[in-house]
Amino acid sequence: MTITKTSQIKSETQLKNSLEYIINGDKTMNETLVSGHALNNIHNAEFEMLRTRRFAQKMKETFLMEKEKFLRIISFNLLIQKITLLLNKLMRSVKR
């Protein structure tokens, strides 16, 4: 009978231990019952997963930096609009 275990893997050590447990040849008929989705080689799973994780972290950092730049530009544009409105009011009041 197949037993399914679900748990979160939060560290590289947990990932390594989990993969060793999953790939264990004694339980998997010499690894014939082991497969992986979008993995080139099940023995490189740890490397590929960590590489994917690092890539995602880089993408997140890049996204957050770009978002911060965008928000600064928006804030600066709003500031310019407010200053323009104030200057227009001032110019109208001076003309009177």
PDB file of N, CA and C in Angstrom:
ATOM      1  N   MET A   1       0.839  -1.178   0.000  1.00  0.00           N
ATOM      2  CA  MET A   1       0.000   0.000   0.000  1.00  0.00           C
ATOM      3  C   MET A   1       0.889   1.249   0.000  1.00  0.00           C
ATOM      4  N   THR A   2       0.522   2.204  -0.800  1.00  0.00           N
ATOM      5  CA  THR A   2       1.298   3.431  -0.904  1.00  0.00           C
ATOM      6  C   THR A   2       0.966   4.359   0.252  1.00  0.00           C
ATOM      7  N   ILE A   3       2.001   4.949   0.815  1.00  0.00           N
ATOM      8  CA  ILE A   3       1.824   5.921   1.893  1.00  0.00           C
ATOM      9  C   ILE A   3       2.298   7.272   1.385  1.00  0.00           C
ATOM     10  N   THR A   4       1.451   8.262   1.508  1.00  0.00           N
ATOM     11  CA  THR A   4       1.806   9.608   1.063  1.00  0.00           C
ATOM     12  C   THR A   4       2.028  10.483   2.278  1.00  0.00           C
ATOM     13  N   LYS A   5       3.159  11.147   2.315  1.00  0.00           N
ATOM     14  CA  LYS A   5       3.472  12.080   3.399  1.00  0.00           C
ATOM     15  C   LYS A   5       3.612  13.467   2.804  1.00  0.00           C
ATOM     16  N   THR A   6       3.017  14.438   3.448  1.00  0.00           N
ATOM     17  CA  THR A   6       3.122  15.818   3.001  1.00  0.00           C
ATOM     18  C   THR A   6       3.708  16.642   4.135  1.00  0.00           C
ATOM     19  N   SER A   7       4.762  17.371   3.831  1.00  0.00           N
ATOM     20  CA  SER A   7       5.353  18.254   4.833  1.00  0.00           C
ATOM     21  C   SER A   7       6.065  19.391   4.114  1.00  0.00           C
ATOM     22  N   GLN A   8       6.235  20.494   4.805  1.00  0.00           N
ATOM     23  CA  GLN A   8       6.957  21.626   4.235  1.00  0.00           C
ATOM     24  C   GLN A   8       8.449  21.416   4.394  1.00  0.00           C
ATOM     25  N   ILE A   9       9.174  21.757   3.361  1.00  0.00           N
ATOM     26  CA  ILE A   9      10.632  21.679   3.406  1.00  0.00           C
ATOM     27  C   ILE A   9      11.139  23.116   3.375  1.00  0.00           C
ATOM     28  N   LYS A  10      11.737  23.546   4.485  1.00  0.00           N
ATOM     29  CA  LYS A  10      12.123  24.949   4.606  1.00  0.00           C
ATOM     30  C   LYS A  10      13.625  25.175   4.576  1.00  0.00           C
ATOM     31  N   SER A  11      14.411  24.123   4.592  1.00  0.00           N
ATOM     32  CA  SER A  11      15.860  24.319   4.589  1.00  0.00           C
ATOM     33  C   SER A  11      16.509  23.357   3.591  1.00  0.00           C
ATOM     34  N   GLU A  12      17.727  23.676   3.237  1.00  0.00           N
ATOM     35  CA  GLU A  12      18.462  22.822   2.297  1.00  0.00           C
ATOM     36  C   GLU A  12      18.735  21.454   2.906  1.00  0.00           C
ATOM     37  N   THR A  13      18.962  21.405   4.202  1.00  0.00           N
ATOM     38  CA  THR A  13      19.207  20.130   4.881  1.00  0.00           C
ATOM     39  C   THR A  13      17.962  19.259   4.837  1.00  0.00           C
ATOM     40  N   GLN A  14      16.797  19.869   5.089  1.00  0.00           N
ATOM     41  CA  GLN A  14      15.545  19.116   5.022  1.00  0.00           C
ATOM     42  C   GLN A  14      15.316  18.580   3.612  1.00  0.00           C
ATOM     43  N   LEU A  15      15.629  19.396   2.610  1.00  0.00           N
ATOM     44  CA  LEU A  15      15.463  18.959   1.224  1.00  0.00           C
ATOM     45  C   LEU A  15      16.349  17.752   0.935  1.00  0.00           C
ATOM     46  N   LYS A  16      17.611  17.834   1.343  1.00  0.00           N
ATOM     47  CA  LYS A  16      18.547  16.736   1.103  1.00  0.00           C
ATOM     48  C   LYS A  16      18.073  15.454   1.784  1.00  0.00           C
ATOM     49  N   ASN A  17      17.691  15.570   3.048  1.00  0.00           N
ATOM     50  CA  ASN A  17      17.225  14.390   3.790  1.00  0.00           C
ATOM     51  C   ASN A  17      15.950  13.808   3.179  1.00  0.00           C
ATOM     52  N   SER A  18      15.046  14.682   2.767  1.00  0.00           N
ATOM     53  CA  SER A  18      13.791  14.210   2.169  1.00  0.00           C
ATOM     54  C   SER A  18      14.048  13.489   0.863  1.00  0.00           C
ATOM     55  N   LEU A  19      14.919  14.032   0.030  1.00  0.00           N
ATOM     56  CA  LEU A  19      15.213  13.389  -1.247  1.00  0.00           C
ATOM     57  C   LEU A  19      15.916  12.048  -1.045  1.00  0.00           C
ATOM     58  N   GLU A  20      16.812  11.985  -0.070  1.00  0.00           N
ATOM     59  CA  GLU A  20      17.459  10.697   0.227  1.00  0.00           C
ATOM     60  C   GLU A  20      16.422   9.670   0.660  1.00  0.00           C
ATOM     61  N   TYR A  21      15.464  10.106   1.457  1.00  0.00           N
ATOM     62  CA  TYR A  21      14.396   9.212   1.920  1.00  0.00           C
ATOM     63  C   TYR A  21      13.537   8.755   0.746  1.00  0.00           C
ATOM     64  N   ILE A  22      13.189   9.704  -0.142  1.00  0.00           N
ATOM     65  CA  ILE A  22      12.312   9.399  -1.274  1.00  0.00           C
ATOM     66  C   ILE A  22      12.987   8.470  -2.279  1.00  0.00           C
ATOM     67  N   ILE A  23      14.280   8.684  -2.528  1.00  0.00           N
ATOM     68  CA  ILE A  23      14.995   7.928  -3.555  1.00  0.00           C
ATOM     69  C   ILE A  23      15.540   6.596  -3.029  1.00  0.00           C
ATOM     70  N   ASN A  24      15.408   6.348  -1.772  1.00  0.00           N
ATOM     71  CA  ASN A  24      15.945   5.142  -1.144  1.00  0.00           C
ATOM     72  C   ASN A  24      15.628   3.897  -1.978  1.00  0.00           C
ATOM     73  N   GLY A  25      16.665   3.275  -2.514  1.00  0.00           N
ATOM     74  CA  GLY A  25      16.516   2.114  -3.389  1.00  0.00           C
ATOM     75  C   GLY A  25      15.885   0.905  -2.728  1.00  0.00           C
ATOM     76  N   ASP A  26      16.040   0.777  -1.403  1.00  0.00           N
ATOM     77  CA  ASP A  26      15.458  -0.372  -0.698  1.00  0.00           C
ATOM     78  C   ASP A  26      13.932  -0.342  -0.735  1.00  0.00           C
ATOM     79  N   LYS A  27      13.357   0.838  -0.766  1.00  0.00           N
ATOM     80  CA  LYS A  27      11.901   0.962  -0.743  1.00  0.00           C
ATOM     81  C   LYS A  27      11.293   1.162  -2.124  1.00  0.00           C
ATOM     82  N   THR A  28      12.107   1.460  -3.101  1.00  0.00           N
ATOM     83  CA  THR A  28      11.574   1.843  -4.415  1.00  0.00           C
ATOM     84  C   THR A  28      11.950   0.865  -5.525  1.00  0.00           C
ATOM     85  N   MET A  29      12.192  -0.365  -5.170  1.00  0.00           N
ATOM     86  CA  MET A  29      12.593  -1.396  -6.141  1.00  0.00           C
ATOM     87  C   MET A  29      13.768  -0.895  -6.981  1.00  0.00           C
ATOM     88  N   ASN A  30      14.844  -0.561  -6.282  1.00  0.00           N
ATOM     89  CA  ASN A  30      16.057  -0.015  -6.905  1.00  0.00           C
ATOM     90  C   ASN A  30      15.759   1.209  -7.774  1.00  0.00           C
ATOM     91  N   GLU A  31      14.934   2.081  -7.225  1.00  0.00           N
ATOM     92  CA  GLU A  31      14.590   3.385  -7.825  1.00  0.00           C
ATOM     93  C   GLU A  31      13.716   3.293  -9.072  1.00  0.00           C
ATOM     94  N   THR A  32      13.125   2.160  -9.350  1.00  0.00           N
ATOM     95  CA  THR A  32      12.236   2.072 -10.514  1.00  0.00           C
ATOM     96  C   THR A  32      10.903   2.772 -10.253  1.00  0.00           C
ATOM     97  N   LEU A  33      10.560   2.951  -8.981  1.00  0.00           N
ATOM     98  CA  LEU A  33       9.311   3.626  -8.637  1.00  0.00           C
ATOM     99  C   LEU A  33       9.491   5.122  -8.430  1.00  0.00           C
ATOM    100  N   VAL A  34      10.667   5.631  -8.728  1.00  0.00           N
ATOM    101  CA  VAL A  34      10.970   7.042  -8.489  1.00  0.00           C
ATOM    102  C   VAL A  34      10.960   7.797  -9.808  1.00  0.00           C
ATOM    103  N   SER A  35      10.269   8.916  -9.819  1.00  0.00           N
ATOM    104  CA  SER A  35      10.286   9.786 -10.997  1.00  0.00           C
ATOM    105  C   SER A  35      10.166  11.225 -10.514  1.00  0.00           C
ATOM    106  N   GLY A  36      10.370  12.140 -11.415  1.00  0.00           N
ATOM    107  CA  GLY A  36      10.267  13.542 -11.055  1.00  0.00           C
ATOM    108  C   GLY A  36       9.714  14.345 -12.202  1.00  0.00           C
ATOM    109  N   HIS A  37       8.928  15.329 -11.882  1.00  0.00           N
ATOM    110  CA  HIS A  37       8.343  16.196 -12.906  1.00  0.00           C
ATOM    111  C   HIS A  37       9.325  17.317 -13.241  1.00  0.00           C
ATOM    112  N   ALA A  38       9.639  17.467 -14.501  1.00  0.00           N
ATOM    113  CA  ALA A  38      10.520  18.536 -15.009  1.00  0.00           C
ATOM    114  C   ALA A  38      11.932  18.443 -14.429  1.00  0.00           C
ATOM    115  N   LEU A  39      12.373  17.238 -14.110  1.00  0.00           N
ATOM    116  CA  LEU A  39      13.738  17.027 -13.636  1.00  0.00           C
ATOM    117  C   LEU A  39      14.500  16.246 -14.693  1.00  0.00           C
ATOM    118  N   ASN A  40      15.713  16.682 -14.982  1.00  0.00           N
ATOM    119  CA  ASN A  40      16.528  15.964 -15.954  1.00  0.00           C
ATOM    120  C   ASN A  40      16.969  14.606 -15.421  1.00  0.00           C
ATOM    121  N   ASN A  41      17.363  14.591 -14.148  1.00  0.00           N
ATOM    122  CA  ASN A  41      17.847  13.371 -13.524  1.00  0.00           C
ATOM    123  C   ASN A  41      17.448  13.428 -12.063  1.00  0.00           C
ATOM    124  N   ILE A  42      16.810  12.397 -11.573  1.00  0.00           N
ATOM    125  CA  ILE A  42      16.326  12.397 -10.197  1.00  0.00           C
ATOM    126  C   ILE A  42      17.459  12.590  -9.189  1.00  0.00           C
ATOM    127  N   HIS A  43      18.679  12.183  -9.555  1.00  0.00           N
ATOM    128  CA  HIS A  43      19.812  12.346  -8.639  1.00  0.00           C
ATOM    129  C   HIS A  43      20.312  13.794  -8.602  1.00  0.00           C
ATOM    130  N   ASN A  44      19.884  14.601  -9.562  1.00  0.00           N
ATOM    131  CA  ASN A  44      20.223  16.022  -9.556  1.00  0.00           C
ATOM    132  C   ASN A  44      19.064  16.871  -9.037  1.00  0.00           C
ATOM    133  N   ALA A  45      18.069  16.241  -8.473  1.00  0.00           N
ATOM    134  CA  ALA A  45      16.862  16.942  -8.032  1.00  0.00           C
ATOM    135  C   ALA A  45      17.187  18.055  -7.033  1.00  0.00           C
ATOM    136  N   GLU A  46      18.050  17.750  -6.067  1.00  0.00           N
ATOM    137  CA  GLU A  46      18.390  18.757  -5.052  1.00  0.00           C
ATOM    138  C   GLU A  46      19.012  19.985  -5.715  1.00  0.00           C
ATOM    139  N   PHE A  47      19.981  19.763  -6.594  1.00  0.00           N
ATOM    140  CA  PHE A  47      20.640  20.865  -7.289  1.00  0.00           C
ATOM    141  C   PHE A  47      19.636  21.685  -8.094  1.00  0.00           C
ATOM    142  N   GLU A  48      18.771  21.001  -8.851  1.00  0.00           N
ATOM    143  CA  GLU A  48      17.811  21.699  -9.700  1.00  0.00           C
ATOM    144  C   GLU A  48      16.788  22.472  -8.867  1.00  0.00           C
ATOM    145  N   MET A  49      16.345  21.884  -7.777  1.00  0.00           N
ATOM    146  CA  MET A  49      15.367  22.563  -6.917  1.00  0.00           C
ATOM    147  C   MET A  49      15.981  23.789  -6.254  1.00  0.00           C
ATOM    148  N   LEU A  50      17.213  23.663  -5.786  1.00  0.00           N
ATOM    149  CA  LEU A  50      17.874  24.802  -5.158  1.00  0.00           C
ATOM    150  C   LEU A  50      18.160  25.902  -6.175  1.00  0.00           C
ATOM    151  N   ARG A  51      18.523  25.507  -7.386  1.00  0.00           N
ATOM    152  CA  ARG A  51      18.764  26.490  -8.450  1.00  0.00           C
ATOM    153  C   ARG A  51      17.468  27.235  -8.771  1.00  0.00           C
ATOM    154  N   THR A  52      16.370  26.515  -8.839  1.00  0.00           N
ATOM    155  CA  THR A  52      15.068  27.133  -9.101  1.00  0.00           C
ATOM    156  C   THR A  52      14.692  28.080  -7.971  1.00  0.00           C
ATOM    157  N   ARG A  53      14.967  27.667  -6.739  1.00  0.00           N
ATOM    158  CA  ARG A  53      14.658  28.510  -5.583  1.00  0.00           C
ATOM    159  C   ARG A  53      15.467  29.805  -5.618  1.00  0.00           C
ATOM    160  N   ARG A  54      16.755  29.692  -5.919  1.00  0.00           N
ATOM    161  CA  ARG A  54      17.605  30.886  -5.984  1.00  0.00           C
ATOM    162  C   ARG A  54      17.176  31.815  -7.116  1.00  0.00           C
ATOM    163  N   PHE A  55      16.803  31.226  -8.250  1.00  0.00           N
ATOM    164  CA  PHE A  55      16.318  32.025  -9.367  1.00  0.00           C
ATOM    165  C   PHE A  55      15.047  32.779  -8.973  1.00  0.00           C
ATOM    166  N   ALA A  56      14.132  32.100  -8.289  1.00  0.00           N
ATOM    167  CA  ALA A  56      12.887  32.745  -7.848  1.00  0.00           C
ATOM    168  C   ALA A  56      13.178  33.872  -6.855  1.00  0.00           C
ATOM    169  N   GLN A  57      14.139  33.650  -5.959  1.00  0.00           N
ATOM    170  CA  GLN A  57      14.508  34.705  -5.008  1.00  0.00           C
ATOM    171  C   GLN A  57      15.072  35.918  -5.736  1.00  0.00           C
ATOM    172  N   LYS A  58      15.917  35.688  -6.736  1.00  0.00           N
ATOM    173  CA  LYS A  58      16.475  36.796  -7.528  1.00  0.00           C
ATOM    174  C   LYS A  58      15.366  37.549  -8.250  1.00  0.00           C
ATOM    175  N   MET A  59      14.424  36.801  -8.829  1.00  0.00           N
ATOM    176  CA  MET A  59      13.311  37.436  -9.535  1.00  0.00           C
ATOM    177  C   MET A  59      12.475  38.280  -8.574  1.00  0.00           C
ATOM    178  N   LYS A  60      12.264  37.766  -7.367  1.00  0.00           N
ATOM    179  CA  LYS A  60      11.491  38.505  -6.375  1.00  0.00           C
ATOM    180  C   LYS A  60      12.220  39.787  -5.979  1.00  0.00           C
ATOM    181  N   GLU A  61      13.530  39.686  -5.757  1.00  0.00           N
ATOM    182  CA  GLU A  61      14.323  40.872  -5.417  1.00  0.00           C
ATOM    183  C   GLU A  61      14.245  41.905  -6.539  1.00  0.00           C
ATOM    184  N   THR A  62      14.384  41.451  -7.777  1.00  0.00           N
ATOM    185  CA  THR A  62      14.316  42.347  -8.928  1.00  0.00           C
ATOM    186  C   THR A  62      12.946  42.999  -9.009  1.00  0.00           C
ATOM    187  N   PHE A  63      11.899  42.208  -8.810  1.00  0.00           N
ATOM    188  CA  PHE A  63      10.543  42.743  -8.858  1.00  0.00           C
ATOM    189  C   PHE A  63      10.344  43.802  -7.785  1.00  0.00           C
ATOM    190  N   LEU A  64      10.789  43.518  -6.570  1.00  0.00           N
ATOM    191  CA  LEU A  64      10.612  44.474  -5.483  1.00  0.00           C
ATOM    192  C   LEU A  64      11.391  45.764  -5.734  1.00  0.00           C
ATOM    193  N   MET A  65      12.599  45.643  -6.302  1.00  0.00           N
ATOM    194  CA  MET A  65      13.378  46.845  -6.621  1.00  0.00           C
ATOM    195  C   MET A  65      12.672  47.664  -7.693  1.00  0.00           C
ATOM    196  N   GLU A  66      12.158  47.005  -8.721  1.00  0.00           N
ATOM    197  CA  GLU A  66      11.447  47.712  -9.790  1.00  0.00           C
ATOM    198  C   GLU A  66      10.166  48.344  -9.266  1.00  0.00           C
ATOM    199  N   LYS A  67       9.484  47.647  -8.381  1.00  0.00           N
ATOM    200  CA  LYS A  67       8.269  48.182  -7.784  1.00  0.00           C
ATOM    201  C   LYS A  67       8.594  49.436  -6.973  1.00  0.00           C
ATOM    202  N   GLU A  68       9.680  49.383  -6.224  1.00  0.00           N
ATOM    203  CA  GLU A  68      10.104  50.533  -5.423  1.00  0.00           C
ATOM    204  C   GLU A  68      10.414  51.725  -6.328  1.00  0.00           C
ATOM    205  N   LYS A  69      11.118  51.483  -7.433  1.00  0.00           N
ATOM    206  CA  LYS A  69      11.421  52.565  -8.383  1.00  0.00           C
ATOM    207  C   LYS A  69      10.131  53.153  -8.944  1.00  0.00           C
ATOM    208  N   PHE A  70       9.202  52.290  -9.321  1.00  0.00           N
ATOM    209  CA  PHE A  70       7.935  52.737  -9.883  1.00  0.00           C
ATOM    210  C   PHE A  70       7.177  53.605  -8.876  1.00  0.00           C
ATOM    211  N   LEU A  71       7.132  53.155  -7.622  1.00  0.00           N
ATOM    212  CA  LEU A  71       6.420  53.917  -6.602  1.00  0.00           C
ATOM    213  C   LEU A  71       7.082  55.273  -6.355  1.00  0.00           C
ATOM    214  N   ARG A  72       8.398  55.336  -6.419  1.00  0.00           N
ATOM    215  CA  ARG A  72       9.086  56.619  -6.278  1.00  0.00           C
ATOM    216  C   ARG A  72       8.736  57.560  -7.423  1.00  0.00           C
ATOM    217  N   ILE A  73       8.689  57.014  -8.636  1.00  0.00           N
ATOM    218  CA  ILE A  73       8.340  57.839  -9.800  1.00  0.00           C
ATOM    219  C   ILE A  73       6.916  58.359  -9.665  1.00  0.00           C
ATOM    220  N   ILE A  74       5.996  57.490  -9.262  1.00  0.00           N
ATOM    221  CA  ILE A  74       4.606  57.907  -9.077  1.00  0.00           C
ATOM    222  C   ILE A  74       4.528  59.000  -8.013  1.00  0.00           C
ATOM    223  N   SER A  75       5.214  58.801  -6.899  1.00  0.00           N
ATOM    224  CA  SER A  75       5.206  59.792  -5.824  1.00  0.00           C
ATOM    225  C   SER A  75       5.776  61.121  -6.310  1.00  0.00           C
ATOM    226  N   PHE A  76       6.861  61.045  -7.060  1.00  0.00           N
ATOM    227  CA  PHE A  76       7.484  62.265  -7.588  1.00  0.00           C
ATOM    228  C   PHE A  76       6.525  62.970  -8.550  1.00  0.00           C
ATOM    229  N   ASN A  77       5.865  62.213  -9.418  1.00  0.00           N
ATOM    230  CA  ASN A  77       4.903  62.806 -10.348  1.00  0.00           C
ATOM    231  C   ASN A  77       3.742  63.466  -9.618  1.00  0.00           C
ATOM    232  N   LEU A  78       3.245  62.829  -8.565  1.00  0.00           N
ATOM    233  CA  LEU A  78       2.162  63.422  -7.777  1.00  0.00           C
ATOM    234  C   LEU A  78       2.633  64.703  -7.102  1.00  0.00           C
ATOM    235  N   LEU A  79       3.855  64.704  -6.625  1.00  0.00           N
ATOM    236  CA  LEU A  79       4.414  65.898  -5.995  1.00  0.00           C
ATOM    237  C   LEU A  79       4.508  67.041  -7.005  1.00  0.00           C
ATOM    238  N   ILE A  80       4.962  66.726  -8.201  1.00  0.00           N
ATOM    239  CA  ILE A  80       5.063  67.747  -9.254  1.00  0.00           C
ATOM    240  C   ILE A  80       3.679  68.294  -9.595  1.00  0.00           C
ATOM    241  N   GLN A  81       2.683  67.435  -9.669  1.00  0.00           N
ATOM    242  CA  GLN A  81       1.322  67.889  -9.961  1.00  0.00           C
ATOM    243  C   GLN A  81       0.817  68.836  -8.875  1.00  0.00           C
ATOM    244  N   LYS A  82       1.060  68.489  -7.615  1.00  0.00           N
ATOM    245  CA  LYS A  82       0.622  69.350  -6.517  1.00  0.00           C
ATOM    246  C   LYS A  82       1.331  70.699  -6.567  1.00  0.00           C
ATOM    247  N   ILE A  83       2.619  70.670  -6.830  1.00  0.00           N
ATOM    248  CA  ILE A  83       3.375  71.927  -6.914  1.00  0.00           C
ATOM    249  C   ILE A  83       2.859  72.773  -8.080  1.00  0.00           C
ATOM    250  N   THR A  84       2.577  72.132  -9.203  1.00  0.00           N
ATOM    251  CA  THR A  84       2.046  72.851 -10.369  1.00  0.00           C
ATOM    252  C   THR A  84       0.708  73.496 -10.038  1.00  0.00           C
ATOM    253  N   LEU A  85      -0.166  72.769  -9.373  1.00  0.00           N
ATOM    254  CA  LEU A  85      -1.460  73.327  -8.982  1.00  0.00           C
ATOM    255  C   LEU A  85      -1.285  74.515  -8.042  1.00  0.00           C
ATOM    256  N   LEU A  86      -0.389  74.373  -7.081  1.00  0.00           N
ATOM    257  CA  LEU A  86      -0.141  75.480  -6.145  1.00  0.00           C
ATOM    258  C   LEU A  86       0.426  76.700  -6.865  1.00  0.00           C
ATOM    259  N   LEU A  87       1.336  76.482  -7.787  1.00  0.00           N
ATOM    260  CA  LEU A  87       1.911  77.590  -8.545  1.00  0.00           C
ATOM    261  C   LEU A  87       0.856  78.270  -9.420  1.00  0.00           C
ATOM    262  N   ASN A  88      -0.018  77.483 -10.021  1.00  0.00           N
ATOM    263  CA  ASN A  88      -1.098  78.062 -10.821  1.00  0.00           C
ATOM    264  C   ASN A  88      -2.024  78.916  -9.968  1.00  0.00           C
ATOM    265  N   LYS A  89      -2.368  78.432  -8.783  1.00  0.00           N
ATOM    266  CA  LYS A  89      -3.199  79.212  -7.860  1.00  0.00           C
ATOM    267  C   LYS A  89      -2.511  80.508  -7.472  1.00  0.00           C
ATOM    268  N   LEU A  90      -1.239  80.386  -7.186  1.00  0.00           N
ATOM    269  CA  LEU A  90      -0.459  81.563  -6.793  1.00  0.00           C
ATOM    270  C   LEU A  90      -0.402  82.576  -7.931  1.00  0.00           C
ATOM    271  N   MET A  91      -0.201  82.100  -9.148  1.00  0.00           N
ATOM    272  CA  MET A  91      -0.143  82.990 -10.311  1.00  0.00           C
ATOM    273  C   MET A  91      -1.485  83.690 -10.534  1.00  0.00           C
ATOM    274  N   ARG A  92      -2.595  82.966 -10.363  1.00  0.00           N
ATOM    275  CA  ARG A  92      -3.919  83.564 -10.516  1.00  0.00           C
ATOM    276  C   ARG A  92      -4.162  84.628  -9.444  1.00  0.00           C
ATOM    277  N   SER A  93      -3.737  84.346  -8.229  1.00  0.00           N
ATOM    278  CA  SER A  93      -3.962  85.313  -7.146  1.00  0.00           C
ATOM    279  C   SER A  93      -3.080  86.555  -7.334  1.00  0.00           C
ATOM    280  N   VAL A  94      -1.906  86.407  -7.915  1.00  0.00           N
ATOM    281  CA  VAL A  94      -1.002  87.540  -8.151  1.00  0.00           C
ATOM    282  C   VAL A  94      -1.574  88.423  -9.280  1.00  0.00           C
ATOM    283  N   LYS A  95      -2.176  87.834 -10.281  1.00  0.00           N
ATOM    284  CA  LYS A  95      -2.731  88.570 -11.415  1.00  0.00           C
ATOM    285  C   LYS A  95      -3.919  89.414 -10.996  1.00  0.00           C
ATOM    286  N   ARG A  96      -4.617  89.067  -9.995  1.00  0.00           N
ATOM    287  CA  ARG A  96      -5.785  89.811  -9.547  1.00  0.00           C
ATOM    288  C   ARG A  96      -5.347  91.016  -8.817  1.00  0.00           C
TER     289      ARG A  96
END
